[in-house]
Amino acid sequence: MGSFSIWHWLVVGILVLLLFGKGRFSDMMGDVAKGIKSFKKGMAEDDAPTPAPKQIEGQRAPDATPISTPTAEHDKL
């Protein structure tokens, strides 16, 4: 029960040949290589330095609502 007979290996071999065939395996490996190349190219494009955003010179707008600070008179109430 632990090992397979020659007939089992023959059936497995025939199924592998039917699924992948002679040319399918090499085509599949070529597609994998193209995918890896395009992935590396995409990663290299992401690493390109991006220009720094332009800073607008001028005055800063004042805050809309002033923050009140507690005073001694406020604490007495």
C-alpha atoms as a PDB file:
ATOM      1  CA  MET A   1       0.000   0.000   0.000  1.00  0.00           C
ATOM      2  CA  GLY A   2       2.991   2.300   0.457  1.00  0.00           C
ATOM      3  CA  SER A   3       4.335   2.208  -3.114  1.00  0.00           C
ATOM      4  CA  PHE A   4       2.760   2.594  -6.507  1.00  0.00           C
ATOM      5  CA  SER A   5       3.004  -0.041  -9.212  1.00  0.00           C
ATOM      6  CA  ILE A   6       4.267   0.513 -12.743  1.00  0.00           C
ATOM      7  CA  TRP A   7       0.670   0.903 -13.967  1.00  0.00           C
ATOM      8  CA  HIS A   8       0.055   3.801 -11.625  1.00  0.00           C
ATOM      9  CA  TRP A   9       3.162   5.599 -12.870  1.00  0.00           C
ATOM     10  CA  LEU A  10       2.170   4.917 -16.508  1.00  0.00           C
ATOM     11  CA  VAL A  11      -1.267   6.469 -15.964  1.00  0.00           C
ATOM     12  CA  VAL A  12       0.276   9.485 -14.203  1.00  0.00           C
ATOM     13  CA  GLY A  13       2.785   9.922 -17.044  1.00  0.00           C
ATOM     14  CA  ILE A  14       0.071   9.767 -19.708  1.00  0.00           C
ATOM     15  CA  LEU A  15      -2.049  12.311 -17.824  1.00  0.00           C
ATOM     16  CA  VAL A  16       0.913  14.679 -17.511  1.00  0.00           C
ATOM     17  CA  LEU A  17       1.616  14.396 -21.247  1.00  0.00           C
ATOM     18  CA  LEU A  18      -2.043  15.013 -22.091  1.00  0.00           C
ATOM     19  CA  LEU A  19      -2.304  18.032 -19.810  1.00  0.00           C
ATOM     20  CA  PHE A  20       0.994  19.698 -20.601  1.00  0.00           C
ATOM     21  CA  GLY A  21       2.033  18.154 -23.925  1.00  0.00           C
ATOM     22  CA  LYS A  22       5.342  18.696 -25.617  1.00  0.00           C
ATOM     23  CA  GLY A  23       4.948  22.397 -26.420  1.00  0.00           C
ATOM     24  CA  ARG A  24       2.668  23.483 -23.612  1.00  0.00           C
ATOM     25  CA  PHE A  25       5.293  23.189 -20.898  1.00  0.00           C
ATOM     26  CA  SER A  26       7.851  25.284 -22.783  1.00  0.00           C
ATOM     27  CA  ASP A  27       5.170  27.855 -23.657  1.00  0.00           C
ATOM     28  CA  MET A  28       4.134  28.014 -20.041  1.00  0.00           C
ATOM     29  CA  MET A  29       7.714  28.595 -18.873  1.00  0.00           C
ATOM     30  CA  GLY A  30       8.120  31.335 -21.514  1.00  0.00           C
ATOM     31  CA  ASP A  31       5.006  33.059 -20.193  1.00  0.00           C
ATOM     32  CA  VAL A  32       6.355  32.854 -16.648  1.00  0.00           C
ATOM     33  CA  ALA A  33       9.643  34.425 -17.782  1.00  0.00           C
ATOM     34  CA  LYS A  34       7.765  37.262 -19.534  1.00  0.00           C
ATOM     35  CA  GLY A  35       5.737  37.862 -16.384  1.00  0.00           C
ATOM     36  CA  ILE A  36       8.868  38.076 -14.250  1.00  0.00           C
ATOM     37  CA  LYS A  37      10.490  40.518 -16.694  1.00  0.00           C
ATOM     38  CA  SER A  38       7.444  42.786 -16.732  1.00  0.00           C
ATOM     39  CA  PHE A  39       7.254  42.658 -12.935  1.00  0.00           C
ATOM     40  CA  LYS A  40      10.906  43.701 -12.632  1.00  0.00           C
ATOM     41  CA  LYS A  41      10.348  46.491 -15.157  1.00  0.00           C
ATOM     42  CA  GLY A  42       7.343  47.741 -13.183  1.00  0.00           C
ATOM     43  CA  MET A  43       9.307  47.696  -9.942  1.00  0.00           C
ATOM     44  CA  ALA A  44      12.162  49.635 -11.581  1.00  0.00           C
ATOM     45  CA  GLU A  45       9.704  52.294 -12.793  1.00  0.00           C
ATOM     46  CA  ASP A  46       8.291  52.660  -9.268  1.00  0.00           C
ATOM     47  CA  ASP A  47      11.784  53.261  -7.874  1.00  0.00           C
ATOM     48  CA  ALA A  48      12.366  56.250 -10.165  1.00  0.00           C
ATOM     49  CA  PRO A  49      12.618  59.443  -8.111  1.00  0.00           C
ATOM     50  CA  THR A  50       9.567  61.630  -8.196  1.00  0.00           C
ATOM     51  CA  PRO A  51       9.902  65.410  -8.260  1.00  0.00           C
ATOM     52  CA  ALA A  52       9.317  67.130  -4.937  1.00  0.00           C
ATOM     53  CA  PRO A  53       5.981  68.937  -4.659  1.00  0.00           C
ATOM     54  CA  LYS A  54       6.172  72.671  -5.116  1.00  0.00           C
ATOM     55  CA  GLN A  55       5.779  74.689  -1.960  1.00  0.00           C
ATOM     56  CA  ILE A  56       3.607  77.754  -2.164  1.00  0.00           C
ATOM     57  CA  GLU A  57       5.237  80.757  -0.580  1.00  0.00           C
ATOM     58  CA  GLY A  58       3.086  83.257   1.221  1.00  0.00           C
ATOM     59  CA  GLN A  59       1.311  83.867   4.467  1.00  0.00           C
ATOM     60  CA  ARG A  60      -0.431  81.144   6.326  1.00  0.00           C
ATOM     61  CA  ALA A  61      -4.166  81.573   6.773  1.00  0.00           C
ATOM     62  CA  PRO A  62      -5.205  82.273  10.375  1.00  0.00           C
ATOM     63  CA  ASP A  63      -7.139  79.589  12.221  1.00  0.00           C
ATOM     64  CA  ALA A  64     -10.903  80.039  12.012  1.00  0.00           C
ATOM     65  CA  THR A  65     -11.667  79.456  15.695  1.00  0.00           C
ATOM     66  CA  PRO A  66      -9.375  80.752  18.421  1.00  0.00           C
ATOM     67  CA  ILE A  67      -8.640  78.422  21.301  1.00  0.00           C
ATOM     68  CA  SER A  68      -9.587  79.888  24.660  1.00  0.00           C
ATOM     69  CA  THR A  69      -7.246  79.420  27.561  1.00  0.00           C
ATOM     70  CA  PRO A  70      -8.491  79.155  31.143  1.00  0.00           C
ATOM     71  CA  THR A  71      -7.902  82.241  33.227  1.00  0.00           C
ATOM     72  CA  ALA A  72      -7.997  82.890  36.940  1.00  0.00           C
ATOM     73  CA  GLU A  73     -11.382  84.613  36.611  1.00  0.00           C
ATOM     74  CA  HIS A  74     -12.802  81.652  34.733  1.00  0.00           C
ATOM     75  CA  ASP A  75     -11.717  79.253  37.520  1.00  0.00           C
ATOM     76  CA  LYS A  76     -13.656  81.284  40.133  1.00  0.00           C
ATOM     77  CA  LEU A  77     -16.974  80.759  38.361  1.00  0.00           C
END
